[in-house]
Structure formats: structure tokens, C-alpha cells
Amino acid sequence: MANQRWFRLLLRIYYKRLLLLAMFVTLAVVLFRQIHYSKLLTAEEPMYKALQEDDRIIEIDMALNKPDVHKHKYRSNHRLDKITDSVSFFSKCPVCFGEELCSDVREGFLTIELTHPISTPNGEILYRGKKHESQDVTVKAFPPSAFEEFEKFICQNASMNVGCDVAVAALKSVLAKPDTFSASALLKSYKSFHPYSKSLSSHSCMTDRQAQTLLQLFDENHNGKMEANELINFYTALMIIPEKAYLKLLSGVVAIPSYLGSCGRLLFTEGGLQPLSNYVDEKWEVRAELGSQILQIIDDFQHAHSDMFLILPELTYEHFAVTHDNRVLVVDLSDLLLVDKPHSSALDDEGGFEEVCNEDCMTRHLAKLLAAEEKEVEKVCADVPRHGVQLMYATLCQEVLLVSETRRDFFGNSFKGRGRSRPPVKGLLHDPPENESDKIGELLEDCIHESTAGGRWQAIQALDDILILQSENERGDEDEEDKEEEEEEDDDHEAAYPRDFA
């Protein structure tokens, strides 16, 4: 019995030591793994990092910055930031462009690349962005200075001190009243906020019918009634960036980027675009196709909308971009002029041009529109399409298609200080095929400076015929190459797997 008790005692001691040893080994393994993992973390980027930038904290998902071996050639590989109020100014709403995408912004489904902004000649700031981490997005913003006079007016109109909370003041101001939105009231307001502007504005030929059409686009809750915040969104957009109204009005009608929505003072549109100027060294057939598309866009501006002519007085490389599948889009609508068709002179198949119209002619008509009194506006605007179309083609040929050494001034003093710089690039249609070179050169010169009434219109039609033929030849060559490749693949397959003729 005594021996058995000693044996059980020794057995307990043995198992206790074994258990302690097992616990020690387990603890050692855990500690080793923790130390090793900590070293890995210091060597790699953290999943989230907080950065101090311009007195704000931005949380960055570092996983979005990992290189993707399958990355699309148009996608950005830079850091993507969550959109904060210091960027969107959502807290200023309804003195903003709208709130359609603010839920996506709050959930982090929309991110923005803040480190590489692009400033445009008309004061916009462009950012690249992503929606749901995959869809390329262009984000348009304006600096706070663009809103200073507008916010001062709102505070004063609401009988509040300058520097007031404009989100509160706007609801007490005239902006929340529907009778503020007649065409004449909008034009007067625009001139008061832009007193030094010497160029045409989108409001120059606006009618009450136009104003109501644009106003309905801001009915974000689709209840058929304009709420106070929607009225203020509309007024803010038309005074600061009418482009939102145009994007909503014309999406699917003409070749412009798809409108995705707004949040605060940010606009979101289709992204992944490349500047047209990046294509000046592409082979001729590609450039001919792009040139033909641009001519078609101008034609669509005259005919695509049932109620309005669309006029862009000055066309430069900066107005155009190209999608990944080589579609040309107009990306700058800041100077777009809308003219009611019922109040305008119709354009016939010959362009409706009764006189030779070059620099002096175009300058004269622009100056007349800029100086027109309210009672004269309708009459002057009725003649805008026939001369506006001439102006679009002339500036397109000079600034984009040819970029000739002799530069003609189509604007006189009307457009001084517009801020656009002529890009130091070749014309899109440089170095055409030798058999078409002289003809294309003559047509482009006639487009810039016509010698007979309607000569510009005839030159454009002849030029478009050539460009279409050149691009069709290229597509035909590509189809033939594809056919030859398919036949070679069929031959290889038959050689590998011969038919049984027995």
C-alpha cells in the first residue's frame, strides 16, 4: 500500500512537470510568432494610415494603392483618399451643386486622388477618382474663392452678417423663392457675380423656357415639385458652374462624359479619359477617325437637341478627350451657349450663310451680343446659330485640326483674358497621305478663312468625306488582317487534326 501511494505521488509530480513544460513551450511559440509578425508589419505598409494634410485628417486605405498586375492602362496608381467635408464642402449645402452621391461618399464607395490635381483655364480643379474601387471617375471642384462673392450676397440678402452660415442663410434668402428664376433675373445675377467677365456666358441667350427646362433637372426627389434646397442647388450651379445642368440635359444626346452625380461642391463624371493632344503622334488613320468624330460632334450640336442649338464659341484641344475605345468626348462645357430653336434663324443644308464671314464678321456679331440691351437680346440671339456655327468650325480648324503658323483672331476684344493657352502641339491632321496632302491643306485653310459665302461649310463637308474614307480604309485593312489570321488558325487546326476521308 505504501509503495502504491509513493507511485501515485511520483506520477502526479511527473504530470505536473509535463504540463508546465507544455505550457512553457506553447508560450514560447506564441511569443516567437508575435515577434516575427511585428517585424513583418514594420516592413510592410499598414492597412490604414492617418495623415495630417492641410489641417485635416485623411484616412487612406493603403490596400487600394497596391500595384495590380492587371491594371488597366488608363487607371491611376496613386494614393486614393476618402472624401471629407474639407474637399466636398457638403456642410455648405444647399449652397452646393447637389447631394445625389453623398451617401456613396459617406460610405467610402467614392474615393479621390488628392495628390495630383489638374487646374483648368476656366478655374476648375480636376481630380481622378474611383467608384467602388473599379470605375474610373473624374471629379470636378472649384476653389473656395469662386464662391466668396456668392456667399457674401446670400448673407446680405438674408439680413445676416458677412461670413454667416450660408446653409442657414440661403433658406431665408431670395434663392429659396421660385420667382427668382426668370431668364432676365438669372442673367442679371450672373453679371453681378462676374462683373469683370468680358466673354459670352451660357446665360446670354437664355429664355424663360430654357430656365424652366434646366430647373426641372434639379428635382432630385422626382416629386414634380421644386423644394427650397433644390431651388438653391439650381441657382448655385447656374451662377458658379452651369456645366452640371448641361451634363444632365445633354447626357445621351451629344458626345459628352456620362454624368454620375454630385456631392456638395463636387461633380462626378465619367473618368479614364485621355487628352486629345495625346493622340497627335498616332498613325494617320487613327487621327482621321478622331477628326471625323469631332466634325460629327459639331454637327450634332446643331441638330441633336430638338429645342436648342448648342454653341461652343471657342474650340481648342482642351475641350476634347478620348475614351479607352477611341470615342471623342467634349469635356469642357463651361462656355456652352444655349439658343432656342423657335427664336433662331434656321440653318439650311448650305449652312444658311449669305455673306463671307471671317474675323471681322465674327467679331462684329460677338460684340453685338455682348452689348445687347435686354429688349434686344432675343433679336440678336436669333442670329447667333448661323455665325456661332461658323465660329466653331473656324476655331476648330485653326486650334485643333491644323494649328497653322498664321493665327487669326476671331474674337477681337470680346474674349480678352479668357486664359486659354494654345498648346504647343501639332494639328491633329498633320502629315496626311501624300495623295491627299494638298487637298486637305486647302480645305483646312478654307475652313479658317473662307473666300466665298458658304465656302467654310463646303470645305468641312469635303474634308469629312475624305476623313471618313480614310478611316473606313483602315477598318477594311484591319478586317482583312483579322480574316487572314482566322484562316491561318483554321489551317493550323486542320493540320493538327486532319479530317478522316476514309
Protein backbone atom coordinates (compact mmCIF):
# COMPACT_ATOMS: atom_id res chain seq x y z
CA MET A 1 0.00 0.00 0.00
CA ALA A 2 2.82 2.36 0.90
CA ASN A 3 4.53 1.63 -2.41
CA GLN A 4 1.34 2.40 -4.32
CA ARG A 5 0.94 5.75 -2.56
CA TRP A 6 4.55 6.67 -3.41
CA PHE A 7 4.00 5.66 -7.02
CA ARG A 8 0.85 7.81 -7.37
CA LEU A 9 2.70 10.75 -5.76
CA LEU A 10 5.57 10.46 -8.21
CA LEU A 11 3.11 10.17 -11.10
CA ARG A 12 1.35 13.42 -10.06
CA ILE A 13 4.67 15.23 -9.84
CA TYR A 14 5.66 13.92 -13.29
CA TYR A 15 2.42 15.06 -14.96
CA LYS A 16 2.57 18.48 -13.30
CA ARG A 17 6.08 18.99 -14.67
CA LEU A 18 4.97 17.73 -18.09
CA LEU A 19 2.02 20.13 -18.06
CA LEU A 20 4.28 23.03 -17.05
CA LEU A 21 6.69 22.10 -19.83
CA ALA A 22 3.86 22.03 -22.40
CA MET A 23 2.60 25.43 -21.22
CA PHE A 24 6.13 26.86 -21.46
CA VAL A 25 6.60 25.55 -24.99
CA THR A 26 3.21 26.91 -26.08
CA LEU A 27 4.00 30.33 -24.61
CA ALA A 28 7.39 30.36 -26.32
CA VAL A 29 5.83 29.56 -29.69
CA VAL A 30 3.21 32.30 -29.26
CA LEU A 31 5.84 34.88 -28.32
CA PHE A 32 8.05 33.89 -31.25
CA ARG A 33 5.17 34.21 -33.73
CA GLN A 34 4.18 37.62 -32.29
CA ILE A 35 7.72 38.96 -32.59
CA HIS A 36 8.00 37.66 -36.15
CA TYR A 37 4.63 39.17 -37.14
CA SER A 38 5.58 42.53 -35.63
CA LYS A 39 8.70 42.61 -37.78
CA LEU A 40 6.62 41.91 -40.86
CA LEU A 41 4.26 44.75 -40.01
CA THR A 42 7.10 47.22 -39.70
CA ALA A 43 8.45 46.10 -43.05
CA GLU A 44 5.10 46.36 -44.85
CA GLU A 45 2.62 49.21 -45.24
CA PRO A 46 -0.17 49.34 -42.68
CA MET A 47 -3.71 48.71 -43.88
CA TYR A 48 -4.82 52.19 -42.80
CA LYS A 49 -2.77 55.28 -42.16
CA ALA A 50 -3.79 58.69 -40.87
CA LEU A 51 -2.05 61.62 -42.49
CA GLN A 52 -2.13 65.23 -41.48
CA GLU A 53 -2.79 67.32 -44.58
CA ASP A 54 -3.80 70.96 -44.62
CA ASP A 55 -5.13 70.78 -41.02
CA ARG A 56 -7.32 67.78 -41.75
CA ILE A 57 -7.01 64.09 -41.09
CA ILE A 58 -7.45 61.84 -44.10
CA GLU A 59 -7.83 58.10 -43.64
CA ILE A 60 -6.25 56.24 -46.50
CA ASP A 61 -6.95 52.65 -47.46
CA MET A 62 -3.42 51.56 -48.32
CA ALA A 63 -4.70 48.34 -49.89
CA LEU A 64 -6.08 50.46 -52.75
CA ASN A 65 -2.54 51.56 -53.54
CA LYS A 66 -1.20 48.06 -54.12
CA PRO A 67 0.04 47.56 -57.69
CA ASP A 68 -2.31 45.49 -59.82
CA VAL A 69 -0.64 43.33 -62.44
CA HIS A 70 -3.86 43.51 -64.45
CA LYS A 71 -4.20 47.28 -64.05
CA HIS A 72 -5.95 48.97 -66.99
CA LYS A 73 -3.62 51.33 -68.84
CA TYR A 74 -5.83 54.35 -68.06
CA ARG A 75 -6.10 53.71 -64.34
CA SER A 76 -4.14 55.69 -61.81
CA ASN A 77 -1.68 54.01 -59.46
CA HIS A 78 -1.59 56.87 -56.96
CA ARG A 79 -3.00 57.11 -53.46
CA LEU A 80 -6.77 57.30 -53.12
CA ASP A 81 -8.26 59.32 -50.28
CA LYS A 82 -11.64 59.29 -48.64
CA ILE A 83 -13.62 62.43 -49.47
CA THR A 84 -14.00 64.70 -46.46
CA ASP A 85 -16.04 67.85 -45.94
CA SER A 86 -12.90 69.93 -46.43
CA VAL A 87 -12.96 68.73 -50.05
CA SER A 88 -16.68 68.40 -50.82
CA PHE A 89 -17.96 71.27 -48.60
CA PHE A 90 -21.09 69.21 -48.03
CA SER A 91 -21.74 71.26 -44.87
CA LYS A 92 -22.39 74.29 -47.13
CA CYS A 93 -25.42 72.60 -48.73
CA PRO A 94 -27.87 73.58 -50.05
CA VAL A 95 -25.43 76.23 -51.34
CA CYS A 96 -23.86 73.47 -53.38
CA PHE A 97 -24.45 71.51 -56.59
CA GLY A 98 -26.49 68.68 -55.12
CA GLU A 99 -26.40 65.59 -52.94
CA GLU A 100 -27.10 62.64 -55.28
CA LEU A 101 -23.85 60.83 -54.46
CA CYS A 102 -23.32 61.90 -50.85
CA SER A 103 -24.41 58.52 -49.48
CA ASP A 104 -21.71 56.84 -51.61
CA VAL A 105 -19.19 59.40 -50.37
CA ARG A 106 -20.08 58.80 -46.72
CA GLU A 107 -19.85 55.02 -47.18
CA GLY A 108 -16.42 55.37 -48.79
CA PHE A 109 -17.57 53.99 -52.14
CA LEU A 110 -16.21 57.11 -53.86
CA THR A 111 -12.53 57.91 -53.36
CA ILE A 112 -10.37 60.66 -54.79
CA GLU A 113 -6.71 61.16 -55.67
CA LEU A 114 -5.90 64.45 -53.96
CA THR A 115 -2.18 64.47 -54.63
CA HIS A 116 -2.31 65.17 -58.38
CA PRO A 117 -4.95 67.84 -59.11
CA ILE A 118 -5.17 69.47 -62.53
CA SER A 119 -6.11 73.15 -62.82
CA THR A 120 -8.04 74.18 -65.93
CA PRO A 121 -8.05 77.60 -67.63
CA ASN A 122 -11.63 78.26 -66.50
CA GLY A 123 -10.80 77.76 -62.83
CA GLU A 124 -11.92 74.17 -62.30
CA ILE A 125 -9.81 71.72 -60.33
CA LEU A 126 -9.90 68.17 -61.67
CA TYR A 127 -9.12 65.03 -59.68
CA ARG A 128 -9.04 61.39 -60.61
CA GLY A 129 -11.26 59.15 -58.55
CA LYS A 130 -12.78 55.70 -58.22
CA LYS A 131 -16.28 54.44 -57.60
CA HIS A 132 -16.50 51.07 -55.86
CA GLU A 133 -12.71 50.76 -56.34
CA SER A 134 -13.08 49.89 -60.03
CA GLN A 135 -14.95 52.54 -62.03
CA ASP A 136 -12.79 55.47 -63.17
CA VAL A 137 -14.27 58.83 -62.24
CA THR A 138 -13.37 62.45 -62.95
CA VAL A 139 -14.07 64.77 -60.01
CA LYS A 140 -14.59 68.48 -60.69
CA ALA A 141 -14.19 71.05 -57.94
CA PHE A 142 -13.85 74.80 -57.59
CA PRO A 143 -11.64 76.72 -55.15
CA PRO A 144 -13.43 78.41 -52.21
CA SER A 145 -12.61 81.81 -53.75
CA ALA A 146 -15.09 81.07 -56.57
CA PHE A 147 -17.91 81.17 -54.01
CA GLU A 148 -16.81 84.22 -51.97
CA GLU A 149 -18.98 86.87 -53.68
CA PHE A 150 -21.89 84.47 -53.93
CA GLU A 151 -21.78 83.62 -50.22
CA LYS A 152 -21.48 87.32 -49.33
CA PHE A 153 -24.61 88.05 -51.37
CA ILE A 154 -26.54 85.26 -49.61
CA CYS A 155 -25.65 86.54 -46.14
CA GLN A 156 -26.61 90.10 -47.04
CA ASN A 157 -29.86 89.07 -48.70
CA ALA A 158 -30.84 87.09 -45.60
CA SER A 159 -30.04 90.15 -43.41
CA MET A 160 -27.17 88.30 -41.74
CA ASN A 161 -23.56 89.32 -41.20
CA VAL A 162 -20.93 88.57 -43.82
CA GLY A 163 -19.34 85.23 -43.03
CA CYS A 164 -22.64 83.78 -41.82
CA ASP A 165 -23.65 80.15 -42.06
CA VAL A 166 -24.74 80.15 -45.70
CA ALA A 167 -26.52 76.80 -45.30
CA VAL A 168 -28.94 78.56 -42.93
CA ALA A 169 -28.96 81.95 -44.65
CA ALA A 170 -29.82 80.55 -48.08
CA LEU A 171 -33.13 79.18 -46.83
CA LYS A 172 -34.05 82.70 -45.67
CA SER A 173 -32.90 84.38 -48.88
CA VAL A 174 -34.42 85.08 -52.26
CA LEU A 175 -32.78 81.91 -53.57
CA ALA A 176 -35.50 79.82 -51.96
CA LYS A 177 -38.26 81.62 -53.88
CA PRO A 178 -39.37 80.27 -57.28
CA ASP A 179 -39.93 83.72 -58.84
CA THR A 180 -36.15 84.29 -58.74
CA PHE A 181 -35.62 82.08 -61.75
CA SER A 182 -36.73 84.06 -64.77
CA ALA A 183 -34.18 84.27 -67.59
CA SER A 184 -33.62 88.01 -67.17
CA ALA A 185 -33.15 87.66 -63.38
CA LEU A 186 -30.60 84.88 -63.88
CA LEU A 187 -28.63 86.92 -66.43
CA LYS A 188 -28.57 89.98 -64.15
CA SER A 189 -27.45 87.84 -61.22
CA TYR A 190 -24.67 86.24 -63.26
CA LYS A 191 -23.37 89.63 -64.35
CA SER A 192 -23.39 90.87 -60.75
CA PHE A 193 -21.30 87.89 -59.60
CA HIS A 194 -18.96 88.10 -62.61
CA PRO A 195 -18.68 91.86 -63.20
CA TYR A 196 -15.33 91.67 -64.98
CA SER A 197 -16.24 88.89 -67.38
CA LYS A 198 -15.79 90.04 -70.99
CA SER A 199 -16.86 86.79 -72.65
CA LEU A 200 -20.19 85.29 -73.52
CA SER A 201 -21.88 83.34 -70.79
CA SER A 202 -24.32 80.46 -71.01
CA HIS A 203 -27.00 82.89 -69.85
CA SER A 204 -26.51 85.33 -72.74
CA CYS A 205 -29.37 83.91 -74.83
CA MET A 206 -31.35 82.19 -72.08
CA THR A 207 -35.13 82.27 -72.31
CA ASP A 208 -37.74 81.57 -69.64
CA ARG A 209 -38.48 78.26 -71.37
CA GLN A 210 -34.81 77.29 -71.13
CA ALA A 211 -34.66 78.32 -67.48
CA GLN A 212 -37.65 76.13 -66.63
CA THR A 213 -36.21 73.18 -68.58
CA LEU A 214 -32.94 73.41 -66.65
CA LEU A 215 -34.71 73.99 -63.35
CA GLN A 216 -36.64 70.71 -63.65
CA LEU A 217 -33.34 68.83 -63.90
CA PHE A 218 -32.71 69.66 -60.24
CA ASP A 219 -35.84 67.91 -58.97
CA GLU A 220 -33.69 65.29 -57.26
CA ASN A 221 -36.51 63.61 -55.34
CA HIS A 222 -38.60 63.41 -58.55
CA ASN A 223 -41.79 64.55 -56.86
CA GLY A 224 -42.62 67.15 -59.51
CA LYS A 225 -42.19 70.00 -57.04
CA MET A 226 -39.16 72.20 -56.54
CA GLU A 227 -38.22 72.18 -52.87
CA ALA A 228 -36.26 75.09 -51.36
CA ASN A 229 -32.99 73.14 -51.28
CA GLU A 230 -33.43 72.14 -54.95
CA LEU A 231 -34.05 75.75 -55.98
CA ILE A 232 -30.87 76.80 -54.17
CA ASN A 233 -28.87 73.96 -55.79
CA PHE A 234 -30.06 75.16 -59.20
CA TYR A 235 -29.19 78.79 -58.52
CA THR A 236 -25.76 77.87 -57.15
CA ALA A 237 -24.95 75.71 -60.17
CA LEU A 238 -26.01 78.33 -62.71
CA MET A 239 -24.05 81.08 -61.00
CA ILE A 240 -20.88 79.05 -60.39
CA ILE A 241 -20.78 76.03 -62.71
CA PRO A 242 -23.68 75.72 -65.19
CA GLU A 243 -21.94 72.62 -66.50
CA LYS A 244 -23.92 70.41 -64.11
CA ALA A 245 -27.17 71.46 -65.77
CA TYR A 246 -25.70 70.88 -69.23
CA LEU A 247 -24.36 67.44 -68.31
CA LYS A 248 -27.80 66.38 -67.06
CA LEU A 249 -29.56 67.97 -70.04
CA LEU A 250 -27.31 66.53 -72.75
CA SER A 251 -26.19 63.13 -71.46
CA GLY A 252 -27.01 60.64 -74.17
CA VAL A 253 -27.82 63.44 -76.63
CA VAL A 254 -24.32 64.54 -77.66
CA ALA A 255 -20.83 63.15 -77.09
CA ILE A 256 -20.03 64.30 -73.54
CA PRO A 257 -18.87 62.38 -70.44
CA SER A 258 -21.58 60.48 -68.59
CA TYR A 259 -22.88 62.43 -65.62
CA LEU A 260 -22.69 60.38 -62.41
CA GLY A 261 -23.91 62.90 -59.84
CA SER A 262 -22.76 65.45 -57.28
CA CYS A 263 -21.99 65.75 -53.61
CA GLY A 264 -21.60 69.15 -52.07
CA ARG A 265 -19.43 71.24 -54.36
CA LEU A 266 -18.04 68.29 -56.30
CA LEU A 267 -19.24 66.94 -59.64
CA PHE A 268 -18.58 63.34 -60.67
CA THR A 269 -18.41 62.36 -64.33
CA GLU A 270 -17.10 59.53 -66.47
CA GLY A 271 -13.35 59.05 -66.00
CA GLY A 272 -10.50 57.16 -67.62
CA LEU A 273 -10.17 59.76 -70.38
CA GLN A 274 -7.04 60.84 -72.21
CA PRO A 275 -6.48 64.37 -73.60
CA LEU A 276 -6.92 64.59 -77.35
CA SER A 277 -3.45 66.14 -77.58
CA ASN A 278 -2.00 62.75 -76.54
CA TYR A 279 -3.06 61.38 -79.92
CA VAL A 280 -1.18 63.78 -82.21
CA ASP A 281 1.51 61.19 -82.93
CA GLU A 282 -0.86 58.29 -83.63
CA LYS A 283 -0.92 56.89 -87.15
CA TRP A 284 -2.85 58.88 -89.71
CA GLU A 285 -5.87 56.56 -89.92
CA VAL A 286 -6.49 56.87 -86.17
CA ARG A 287 -6.24 60.66 -86.30
CA ALA A 288 -8.52 60.79 -89.35
CA GLU A 289 -11.16 58.83 -87.42
CA LEU A 290 -10.87 61.16 -84.42
CA GLY A 291 -11.09 64.22 -86.68
CA SER A 292 -14.21 62.86 -88.36
CA GLN A 293 -15.80 62.27 -84.97
CA ILE A 294 -15.13 65.88 -83.94
CA LEU A 295 -16.78 67.21 -87.10
CA GLN A 296 -19.78 64.99 -86.37
CA ILE A 297 -19.95 66.35 -82.81
CA ILE A 298 -20.27 69.92 -84.09
CA ASP A 299 -23.00 68.80 -86.47
CA ASP A 300 -24.78 67.10 -83.56
CA PHE A 301 -24.57 70.33 -81.57
CA GLN A 302 -26.80 71.89 -84.22
CA HIS A 303 -29.30 69.08 -84.70
CA ALA A 304 -29.30 66.56 -81.82
CA HIS A 305 -31.42 68.55 -79.36
CA SER A 306 -34.98 69.16 -80.51
CA ASP A 307 -35.38 72.58 -78.87
CA MET A 308 -31.93 74.14 -78.67
CA PHE A 309 -28.83 74.93 -80.69
CA LEU A 310 -25.62 74.27 -78.76
CA ILE A 311 -22.77 76.68 -79.42
CA LEU A 312 -19.20 76.44 -78.07
CA PRO A 313 -17.65 79.70 -79.30
CA GLU A 314 -14.04 78.61 -78.91
CA LEU A 315 -12.83 75.07 -79.55
CA THR A 316 -9.31 74.02 -78.55
CA TYR A 317 -7.53 70.79 -77.72
CA GLU A 318 -8.55 71.36 -74.10
CA HIS A 319 -12.21 70.84 -74.99
CA PHE A 320 -11.73 67.24 -76.11
CA ALA A 321 -10.73 63.92 -74.58
CA VAL A 322 -10.74 60.32 -75.80
CA THR A 323 -12.09 57.19 -74.14
CA HIS A 324 -10.22 53.88 -73.96
CA ASP A 325 -12.19 52.70 -77.02
CA ASN A 326 -11.28 55.83 -79.04
CA ARG A 327 -14.52 57.79 -78.71
CA VAL A 328 -14.06 61.56 -78.69
CA LEU A 329 -15.96 63.47 -75.99
CA VAL A 330 -16.36 67.20 -75.30
CA VAL A 331 -15.18 67.59 -71.72
CA ASP A 332 -15.37 71.38 -71.29
CA LEU A 333 -18.89 72.83 -71.46
CA SER A 334 -18.15 75.91 -69.38
CA ASP A 335 -18.60 78.25 -72.39
CA LEU A 336 -21.63 76.47 -73.83
CA LEU A 337 -24.28 78.81 -75.21
CA LEU A 338 -27.86 77.53 -75.49
CA VAL A 339 -30.07 79.14 -78.11
CA ASP A 340 -33.77 78.35 -78.51
CA LYS A 341 -34.59 76.99 -81.96
CA PRO A 342 -38.04 78.61 -82.14
CA HIS A 343 -36.39 82.02 -81.69
CA SER A 344 -33.45 81.42 -84.04
CA SER A 345 -32.73 81.61 -87.73
CA ALA A 346 -32.83 78.11 -89.21
CA LEU A 347 -29.73 76.63 -90.78
CA ASP A 348 -30.38 75.12 -94.18
CA ASP A 349 -28.29 72.45 -95.88
CA GLU A 350 -25.87 75.05 -97.19
CA GLY A 351 -25.28 76.47 -93.71
CA GLY A 352 -27.64 79.44 -94.13
CA PHE A 353 -24.69 81.74 -94.88
CA GLU A 354 -25.45 84.69 -97.13
CA GLU A 355 -22.12 86.51 -96.79
CA VAL A 356 -18.44 85.76 -96.43
CA CYS A 357 -17.81 85.63 -92.69
CA ASN A 358 -14.29 85.69 -91.30
CA GLU A 359 -12.58 87.52 -88.40
CA ASP A 360 -14.28 90.92 -88.79
CA CYS A 361 -17.71 89.39 -89.31
CA MET A 362 -17.48 87.10 -86.28
CA THR A 363 -16.02 89.79 -84.03
CA ARG A 364 -18.82 92.17 -85.02
CA HIS A 365 -21.59 89.71 -84.15
CA LEU A 366 -19.98 88.70 -80.84
CA ALA A 367 -19.62 92.33 -79.81
CA LYS A 368 -23.26 92.97 -80.73
CA LEU A 369 -24.41 90.13 -78.47
CA LEU A 370 -22.23 91.24 -75.56
CA ALA A 371 -23.52 94.82 -75.78
CA ALA A 372 -27.19 93.97 -76.37
CA GLU A 373 -29.78 95.54 -74.08
CA GLU A 374 -32.42 93.27 -72.57
CA LYS A 375 -35.05 94.25 -75.14
CA GLU A 376 -32.61 93.50 -78.00
CA VAL A 377 -31.34 90.14 -76.76
CA GLU A 378 -33.97 87.97 -78.44
CA LYS A 379 -33.38 89.57 -81.85
CA VAL A 380 -29.60 89.37 -81.57
CA CYS A 381 -29.67 85.79 -80.28
CA ALA A 382 -31.85 84.72 -83.21
CA ASP A 383 -28.83 85.27 -85.46
CA VAL A 384 -26.34 83.51 -83.18
CA PRO A 385 -26.54 79.96 -84.62
CA ARG A 386 -25.52 80.83 -88.20
CA HIS A 387 -22.48 82.80 -87.01
CA GLY A 388 -21.82 80.59 -83.97
CA VAL A 389 -21.55 77.51 -86.18
CA GLN A 390 -19.09 79.35 -88.43
CA LEU A 391 -17.08 80.29 -85.37
CA MET A 392 -16.99 76.70 -84.05
CA TYR A 393 -15.67 75.32 -87.33
CA ALA A 394 -13.15 78.13 -87.83
CA THR A 395 -11.63 77.85 -84.35
CA LEU A 396 -11.66 74.04 -84.54
CA CYS A 397 -9.71 74.05 -87.79
CA GLN A 398 -7.25 76.66 -86.52
CA GLU A 399 -6.74 75.44 -82.96
CA VAL A 400 -7.08 71.66 -83.33
CA LEU A 401 -7.03 70.25 -86.85
CA LEU A 402 -4.36 72.43 -88.47
CA VAL A 403 -2.66 74.62 -85.83
CA SER A 404 -1.28 76.88 -88.54
CA GLU A 405 1.54 79.34 -88.06
CA THR A 406 -0.70 82.23 -89.16
CA ARG A 407 -3.19 82.64 -86.32
CA ARG A 408 -6.35 84.64 -86.90
CA ASP A 409 -8.23 86.48 -84.14
CA PHE A 410 -11.91 85.59 -84.38
CA PHE A 411 -12.83 87.32 -81.13
CA GLY A 412 -11.38 90.83 -81.32
CA ASN A 413 -11.63 92.36 -77.84
CA SER A 414 -14.62 90.22 -76.90
CA PHE A 415 -12.68 87.33 -75.43
CA LYS A 416 -9.58 89.02 -74.00
CA GLY A 417 -8.32 87.47 -70.79
CA ARG A 418 -10.01 84.12 -71.29
CA GLY A 419 -6.87 82.45 -70.02
CA ARG A 420 -6.62 79.66 -72.58
CA SER A 421 -3.10 78.92 -73.71
CA ARG A 422 -2.55 77.44 -77.13
CA PRO A 423 -0.88 74.06 -76.61
CA PRO A 424 2.49 73.65 -78.35
CA VAL A 425 1.37 70.61 -80.33
CA LYS A 426 0.86 69.74 -83.95
CA GLY A 427 -2.51 69.85 -85.61
CA LEU A 428 -4.43 66.60 -85.36
CA LEU A 429 -4.44 66.24 -89.17
CA HIS A 430 -0.72 66.85 -89.72
CA ASP A 431 1.18 64.75 -92.29
CA PRO A 432 -1.76 63.26 -94.21
CA PRO A 433 -1.14 60.75 -97.03
CA GLU A 434 0.81 62.31 -99.88
CA ASN A 435 -2.01 61.90 -102.39
CA GLU A 436 -4.41 63.84 -100.12
CA SER A 437 -1.97 66.28 -98.52
CA ASP A 438 -2.55 69.30 -100.78
CA LYS A 439 -6.32 68.84 -100.84
CA ILE A 440 -6.62 68.54 -97.04
CA GLY A 441 -4.37 71.58 -96.55
CA GLU A 442 -6.54 73.68 -98.88
CA LEU A 443 -9.75 72.58 -97.17
CA LEU A 444 -8.40 73.43 -93.72
CA GLU A 445 -7.32 76.87 -94.92
CA ASP A 446 -10.79 77.44 -96.42
CA CYS A 447 -12.30 76.38 -93.12
CA ILE A 448 -10.29 79.01 -91.26
CA HIS A 449 -10.67 81.78 -93.82
CA GLU A 450 -13.38 81.34 -96.46
CA SER A 451 -13.24 83.22 -99.74
CA THR A 452 -16.87 82.72 -100.82
CA ALA A 453 -20.17 82.69 -98.93
CA GLY A 454 -20.70 79.18 -97.62
CA GLY A 455 -17.12 78.24 -98.52
CA ARG A 456 -16.33 77.15 -94.98
CA TRP A 457 -19.34 74.85 -94.91
CA GLN A 458 -18.42 73.26 -98.25
CA ALA A 459 -14.81 72.77 -97.10
CA ILE A 460 -15.97 71.00 -93.94
CA GLN A 461 -18.23 68.64 -95.90
CA ALA A 462 -15.43 67.76 -98.35
CA LEU A 463 -12.94 67.30 -95.50
CA ASP A 464 -15.31 65.00 -93.64
CA ASP A 465 -15.80 62.86 -96.76
CA ILE A 466 -12.03 62.38 -97.02
CA LEU A 467 -11.62 61.56 -93.32
CA ILE A 468 -14.47 59.05 -93.37
CA LEU A 469 -12.98 57.31 -96.41
CA GLN A 470 -9.53 57.18 -94.81
CA SER A 471 -10.85 55.72 -91.57
CA GLU A 472 -13.02 53.19 -93.46
CA ASN A 473 -9.96 52.05 -95.42
CA GLU A 474 -8.18 51.47 -92.12
CA ARG A 475 -11.11 49.46 -90.76
CA GLY A 476 -11.19 47.46 -94.00
CA ASP A 477 -7.47 46.68 -93.67
CA GLU A 478 -7.99 45.60 -90.08
CA ASP A 479 -10.92 43.35 -91.07
CA GLU A 480 -8.79 41.79 -93.81
CA GLU A 481 -5.96 41.16 -91.34
CA ASP A 482 -8.40 39.58 -88.89
CA LYS A 483 -9.76 37.36 -91.67
CA GLU A 484 -6.27 36.26 -92.68
CA GLU A 485 -5.43 35.45 -89.07
CA GLU A 486 -8.62 33.37 -88.73
CA GLU A 487 -7.78 31.47 -91.94
CA GLU A 488 -4.26 30.77 -90.67
CA GLU A 489 -5.70 29.49 -87.39
CA ASP A 490 -8.10 27.20 -89.32
CA ASP A 491 -5.20 25.87 -91.43
CA ASP A 492 -3.13 25.19 -88.32
CA HIS A 493 -6.08 23.43 -86.68
CA GLU A 494 -6.68 21.26 -89.76
CA ALA A 495 -3.00 20.37 -89.95
CA ALA A 496 -3.04 19.30 -86.31
CA TYR A 497 -6.36 17.44 -86.61
CA PRO A 498 -6.74 16.23 -90.24
CA ARG A 499 -10.14 15.08 -91.36
CA ASP A 500 -10.74 11.39 -91.89
CA PHE A 501 -11.54 10.98 -95.61
CA ALA A 502 -11.76 7.21 -95.49
